[in-house]
Every structure is written in structure tokens, then in C-alpha cells.
Amino acid sequence: MATTFDDIIHSEQPVLVDFFATWCGPCKMMHPILDELKTRMGAAVTIIKVDVDKNREAAQALGIQSVPTLIIFQKGEIKWRQSGVVAAPVLQQVMDPMTLSDEK
């Protein structure tokens, strides 16, 4: 059974969605940053990438106007959103409280 975008963002754990475009220079800078974040946080988070040119409806529905735009979802709710390149330590600082709250 295929997992949909909606299924993924309704996860109990935080889900970081990177809305990007292949032609976008700053978007390319996010790839190693997201790899570093995954190394730092492991299975505590899910990270997915969404190409806005191939998924225009999703981008429009969420009001994506610039790339990269990063959105953190948890249980289907937007918990944090920012456009532009964001460093791995900053993303981890934002996500840590979300992962700790699930361990109670």
C-alpha cells in the first residue's frame, strides 16, 4: 500500500518537509544539511523532499512562494515554517522539543 503525503505528515513524530526545485541553488545547499540533521537525530524524525515543479498542487495548497521552504509537521499540524537555507543545529534545536514530548 502506498503511503500518501497526508499519511506521512500525520505521524506522531515530527516530519520535516523540504519544498525545493532542481534549478534552485540554495535548495542544493540544503541536501548536505538535511543529511547532517538525519545523522544527528536518526529515527526521531522523518525528512522528505517535495519538488514544487512536480507537485504544484501541494505547493499551492501550502502557499509555498519561495524555495527552499522548510515545514515541520506533527500530527498533521504545521509546527514550524521557514524559507531559505537553515543550518542543521538550528533545525535540531527546533525539533528536539517535539521529539522529547513524545517520550513522556
Protein backbone atom coordinates (compact mmCIF):
# COMPACT_ATOMS: atom_id res chain seq x y z
CA MET A 1 0.00 0.00 0.00
CA ALA A 2 1.38 3.40 -0.99
CA THR A 3 1.85 5.99 1.72
CA THR A 4 0.47 9.41 0.85
CA PHE A 5 1.86 12.82 1.79
CA ASP A 6 -1.11 13.26 4.11
CA ASP A 7 -0.35 9.95 5.86
CA ILE A 8 3.28 10.96 6.37
CA ILE A 9 2.58 14.40 7.86
CA HIS A 10 0.05 12.95 10.33
CA SER A 11 2.83 11.00 12.03
CA GLU A 12 3.32 11.19 15.79
CA GLN A 13 6.97 12.05 15.22
CA PRO A 14 7.98 15.34 13.60
CA VAL A 15 8.19 15.35 9.81
CA LEU A 16 10.44 17.91 8.12
CA VAL A 17 9.34 18.63 4.56
CA ASP A 18 11.82 20.38 2.27
CA PHE A 19 9.98 22.05 -0.61
CA PHE A 20 12.62 22.53 -3.31
CA ALA A 21 13.25 22.95 -7.03
CA THR A 22 16.02 21.28 -9.04
CA TRP A 23 17.07 24.63 -10.54
CA CYS A 24 17.40 26.33 -7.14
CA GLY A 25 20.96 26.93 -5.87
CA PRO A 26 20.06 27.38 -2.18
CA CYS A 27 17.94 24.21 -2.40
CA LYS A 28 21.05 22.26 -3.40
CA MET A 29 22.78 23.62 -0.29
CA MET A 30 20.06 22.04 1.88
CA HIS A 31 20.86 18.47 0.82
CA PRO A 32 24.01 18.03 2.98
CA ILE A 33 22.36 19.99 5.80
CA LEU A 34 19.42 17.57 5.83
CA ASP A 35 21.83 14.62 5.72
CA GLU A 36 23.61 16.06 8.77
CA LEU A 37 20.28 16.56 10.57
CA LYS A 38 19.27 12.95 9.88
CA THR A 39 22.64 11.79 11.25
CA ARG A 40 22.13 13.92 14.37
CA MET A 41 18.51 12.91 15.02
CA GLY A 42 18.20 9.45 13.47
CA ALA A 43 14.81 7.76 13.65
CA ALA A 44 13.36 10.52 15.86
CA VAL A 45 12.42 12.47 12.72
CA THR A 46 11.27 11.88 9.18
CA ILE A 47 12.68 14.07 6.42
CA ILE A 48 11.09 14.22 2.99
CA LYS A 49 11.75 16.36 -0.06
CA VAL A 50 8.98 17.66 -2.32
CA ASP A 51 9.83 19.06 -5.77
CA VAL A 52 7.50 22.05 -6.23
CA ASP A 53 7.67 21.76 -10.02
CA LYS A 54 6.41 18.16 -9.92
CA ASN A 55 3.95 18.73 -7.05
CA ARG A 56 2.40 22.10 -7.85
CA GLU A 57 -0.90 21.32 -6.10
CA ALA A 58 0.78 20.52 -2.77
CA ALA A 59 2.94 23.64 -3.05
CA GLN A 60 -0.08 25.82 -3.83
CA ALA A 61 -2.18 24.30 -1.04
CA LEU A 62 0.54 25.19 1.47
CA GLY A 63 1.23 28.63 -0.01
CA ILE A 64 4.83 27.87 -1.00
CA GLN A 65 6.06 31.04 -2.70
CA SER A 66 9.84 30.59 -2.49
CA VAL A 67 12.24 27.68 -2.31
CA PRO A 68 13.63 26.20 -0.28
CA THR A 69 10.77 26.32 2.20
CA LEU A 70 11.01 24.01 5.20
CA ILE A 71 7.89 22.99 7.12
CA ILE A 72 7.78 20.78 10.20
CA PHE A 73 4.55 18.87 10.63
CA GLN A 74 3.48 16.80 13.61
CA LYS A 75 0.14 15.02 13.79
CA GLY A 76 -0.90 16.88 10.65
CA GLU A 77 -0.30 20.34 12.12
CA ILE A 78 2.30 22.85 10.96
CA LYS A 79 4.61 23.34 13.94
CA TRP A 80 7.27 25.50 12.25
CA ARG A 81 7.91 27.02 8.84
CA GLN A 82 10.76 28.98 7.29
CA SER A 83 12.03 29.81 3.82
CA GLY A 84 15.71 29.85 2.94
CA VAL A 85 18.71 27.80 3.98
CA VAL A 86 18.64 26.74 7.64
CA ALA A 87 21.61 25.14 9.43
CA ALA A 88 21.30 21.63 10.89
CA PRO A 89 21.88 22.77 14.52
CA VAL A 90 19.03 25.29 14.18
CA LEU A 91 16.69 22.65 12.77
CA GLN A 92 17.66 20.26 15.55
CA GLN A 93 17.00 22.94 18.17
CA VAL A 94 13.51 23.46 16.73
CA MET A 95 12.76 19.73 16.50
CA ASP A 96 14.24 18.48 19.80
CA PRO A 97 11.31 19.60 21.98
CA MET A 98 8.89 17.87 19.59
CA THR A 99 10.74 14.56 19.87
CA LEU A 100 11.11 14.82 23.66
CA SER A 101 7.41 15.46 24.17
CA ASP A 102 6.62 12.07 22.60
CA GLU A 103 8.80 10.23 25.12
CA LYS A 104 6.56 11.11 28.09
